Amino acid sequence: MMYPSPAVVASAYDNDGKVDACTLAFAAMCSHRPPAVMIAINSTLKRKTLASILKTKEFCLGFPSIEHVREVDYLGIESGYNLDKIDKIRFTAKKGEFVNAPIINEFKVSIECRVMDIKEVGSHTQITGEILNIQLRKAYWTIGIKLF
């Protein structure tokens, strides 16, 4: 009854500075001031992206479009502990402007977040991130909006 919701991919740097990413089942806006999002990652399973976010306290959220449905599905199924998922799907990334977390270049919209709060909620770790920056690929600029 709460679906459909957009696919969202969280990304962070691992201990070796490599890009790690996973598709999320739970993500939502949770504050206007400061602007913030809430994500939840299953903590009952071994999740490398969760470990990376908890260590660095920074992450990016990417909003993919339909042409990347297979890659986004893969990011949610495969574990980063097994192999370099970003390399496997031939995606590229760059460092965020406001956080030390990777922005996946193939996604049209990305937001950069710093962790504000962490809570264990049942099977998931719920992370609230303050939005520090929003990036929209230039090809998709249509209007200028001042967000903050």
Protein backbone atom coordinates (compact mmCIF):
# COMPACT_ATOMS: atom_id res chain seq x y z
CA MET A 1 0.00 0.00 0.00
CA MET A 2 3.05 2.27 0.25
CA TYR A 3 4.31 1.42 -3.22
CA PRO A 4 5.46 2.26 -5.79
CA SER A 5 8.40 4.16 -4.46
CA PRO A 6 11.45 5.21 -6.45
CA ALA A 7 14.56 3.07 -6.56
CA VAL A 8 17.35 4.72 -4.60
CA VAL A 9 21.01 3.70 -4.36
CA ALA A 10 23.18 4.57 -1.35
CA SER A 11 26.93 4.89 -1.91
CA ALA A 12 29.93 5.34 0.36
CA TYR A 13 33.66 4.68 0.33
CA ASP A 14 34.86 1.47 1.97
CA ASN A 15 37.99 1.06 4.14
CA ASP A 16 40.17 0.92 1.03
CA GLY A 17 38.63 4.03 -0.56
CA LYS A 18 36.69 1.99 -3.13
CA VAL A 19 33.13 2.84 -4.12
CA ASP A 20 30.47 0.68 -2.52
CA ALA A 21 26.76 0.94 -3.26
CA CYS A 22 23.48 -0.81 -2.57
CA THR A 23 19.88 -0.43 -3.64
CA LEU A 24 17.55 0.54 -0.80
CA ALA A 25 14.06 -0.67 -0.02
CA PHE A 26 13.49 2.17 2.44
CA ALA A 27 14.28 5.86 1.82
CA ALA A 28 12.25 9.02 2.44
CA MET A 29 12.47 12.73 3.13
CA CYS A 30 12.13 13.32 6.87
CA SER A 31 12.82 17.03 7.52
CA HIS A 32 12.59 20.42 5.80
CA ARG A 33 14.85 22.30 8.21
CA PRO A 34 17.46 21.08 8.08
CA PRO A 35 16.72 19.20 4.87
CA ALA A 36 17.16 15.52 5.67
CA VAL A 37 16.48 12.03 4.41
CA MET A 38 16.03 8.75 6.23
CA ILE A 39 17.37 5.50 4.84
CA ALA A 40 17.22 2.03 6.34
CA ILE A 41 19.54 -0.85 5.53
CA ASN A 42 19.01 -4.43 6.68
CA SER A 43 21.41 -5.05 9.56
CA THR A 44 20.55 -8.72 10.05
CA LEU A 45 22.61 -9.54 6.96
CA LYS A 46 26.25 -8.68 6.23
CA ARG A 47 25.94 -5.36 4.37
CA LYS A 48 29.16 -3.70 3.25
CA THR A 49 27.51 -0.40 2.31
CA LEU A 50 26.00 -0.15 5.79
CA ALA A 51 29.41 -0.76 7.38
CA SER A 52 30.96 1.90 5.12
CA ILE A 53 28.31 4.51 6.00
CA LEU A 54 28.59 3.79 9.72
CA LYS A 55 32.37 4.23 9.54
CA THR A 56 32.57 7.36 7.35
CA LYS A 57 29.33 9.04 8.56
CA GLU A 58 28.75 10.30 5.00
CA PHE A 59 26.91 8.93 2.00
CA CYS A 60 25.30 9.83 -1.29
CA LEU A 61 21.92 8.82 -2.62
CA GLY A 62 21.54 8.31 -6.34
CA PHE A 63 18.23 8.31 -8.16
CA PRO A 64 18.50 6.06 -11.21
CA SER A 65 16.22 6.07 -14.22
CA ILE A 66 14.62 3.23 -16.12
CA GLU A 67 17.61 2.56 -18.38
CA HIS A 68 19.55 1.27 -15.35
CA VAL A 69 16.95 -1.13 -13.97
CA ARG A 70 19.20 -4.20 -14.38
CA GLU A 71 22.21 -2.55 -12.73
CA VAL A 72 20.14 -1.19 -9.85
CA ASP A 73 18.62 -4.63 -9.28
CA TYR A 74 22.12 -6.15 -9.26
CA LEU A 75 23.35 -3.58 -6.70
CA GLY A 76 20.59 -4.75 -4.38
CA ILE A 77 21.28 -8.46 -4.79
CA GLU A 78 25.07 -8.86 -4.88
CA SER A 79 27.30 -8.21 -1.87
CA GLY A 80 30.22 -5.80 -2.06
CA TYR A 81 32.12 -8.27 0.13
CA ASN A 82 32.19 -10.67 -2.84
CA LEU A 83 33.41 -8.30 -5.58
CA ASP A 84 33.58 -4.71 -6.79
CA LYS A 85 29.94 -4.21 -7.84
CA ILE A 86 30.47 -0.79 -9.43
CA ASP A 87 33.28 -2.12 -11.61
CA LYS A 88 31.24 -5.21 -12.51
CA ILE A 89 28.35 -3.12 -13.90
CA ARG A 90 30.78 -0.67 -15.53
CA PHE A 91 29.54 2.38 -13.64
CA THR A 92 31.82 5.27 -12.75
CA ALA A 93 31.88 7.61 -9.78
CA LYS A 94 33.32 10.88 -8.59
CA LYS A 95 33.83 12.28 -5.12
CA GLY A 96 31.01 14.45 -3.82
CA GLU A 97 31.58 18.18 -3.55
CA PHE A 98 30.45 18.47 0.09
CA VAL A 99 31.06 14.97 1.48
CA ASN A 100 33.70 12.30 1.17
CA ALA A 101 31.32 9.88 -0.52
CA PRO A 102 30.98 8.80 -4.16
CA ILE A 103 28.42 10.10 -6.62
CA ILE A 104 27.58 7.54 -9.28
CA ASN A 105 27.92 9.37 -12.59
CA GLU A 106 25.28 7.35 -14.42
CA PHE A 107 22.45 8.61 -12.18
CA LYS A 108 20.66 11.80 -13.18
CA VAL A 109 20.14 13.08 -9.62
CA SER A 110 22.34 12.60 -6.56
CA ILE A 111 22.24 14.03 -3.07
CA GLU A 112 25.15 14.32 -0.67
CA CYS A 113 24.45 13.60 2.99
CA ARG A 114 26.17 13.70 6.36
CA VAL A 115 24.87 11.33 9.04
CA MET A 116 22.84 13.10 11.72
CA ASP A 117 21.40 10.13 13.60
CA ILE A 118 21.54 6.34 13.68
CA LYS A 119 18.91 4.05 15.24
CA GLU A 120 18.35 0.33 15.25
CA VAL A 121 14.77 -0.34 14.19
CA GLY A 122 13.98 -4.04 14.17
CA SER A 123 15.83 -5.72 11.32
CA HIS A 124 17.25 -2.45 9.95
CA THR A 125 19.65 0.32 10.83
CA GLN A 126 17.87 3.62 10.22
CA ILE A 127 20.17 6.46 9.24
CA THR A 128 19.12 10.09 9.05
CA GLY A 129 21.29 12.18 6.78
CA GLU A 130 21.37 15.94 6.46
CA ILE A 131 21.29 16.92 2.80
CA LEU A 132 24.29 19.12 2.08
CA ASN A 133 24.10 19.23 -1.72
CA ILE A 134 21.96 18.09 -4.63
CA GLN A 135 23.52 17.41 -8.01
CA LEU A 136 21.55 17.16 -11.22
CA ARG A 137 23.33 16.13 -14.42
CA LYS A 138 23.57 19.19 -16.63
CA ALA A 139 21.72 17.53 -19.50
CA TYR A 140 18.62 17.47 -17.30
CA TRP A 141 18.62 21.09 -16.12
CA THR A 142 15.34 22.71 -17.10
CA ILE A 143 14.68 25.31 -14.44
CA GLY A 144 16.68 26.90 -11.67
CA ILE A 145 15.41 26.27 -8.16
CA LYS A 146 17.02 27.57 -4.98
CA LEU A 147 16.63 24.74 -2.49
CA PHE A 148 18.33 26.22 0.56
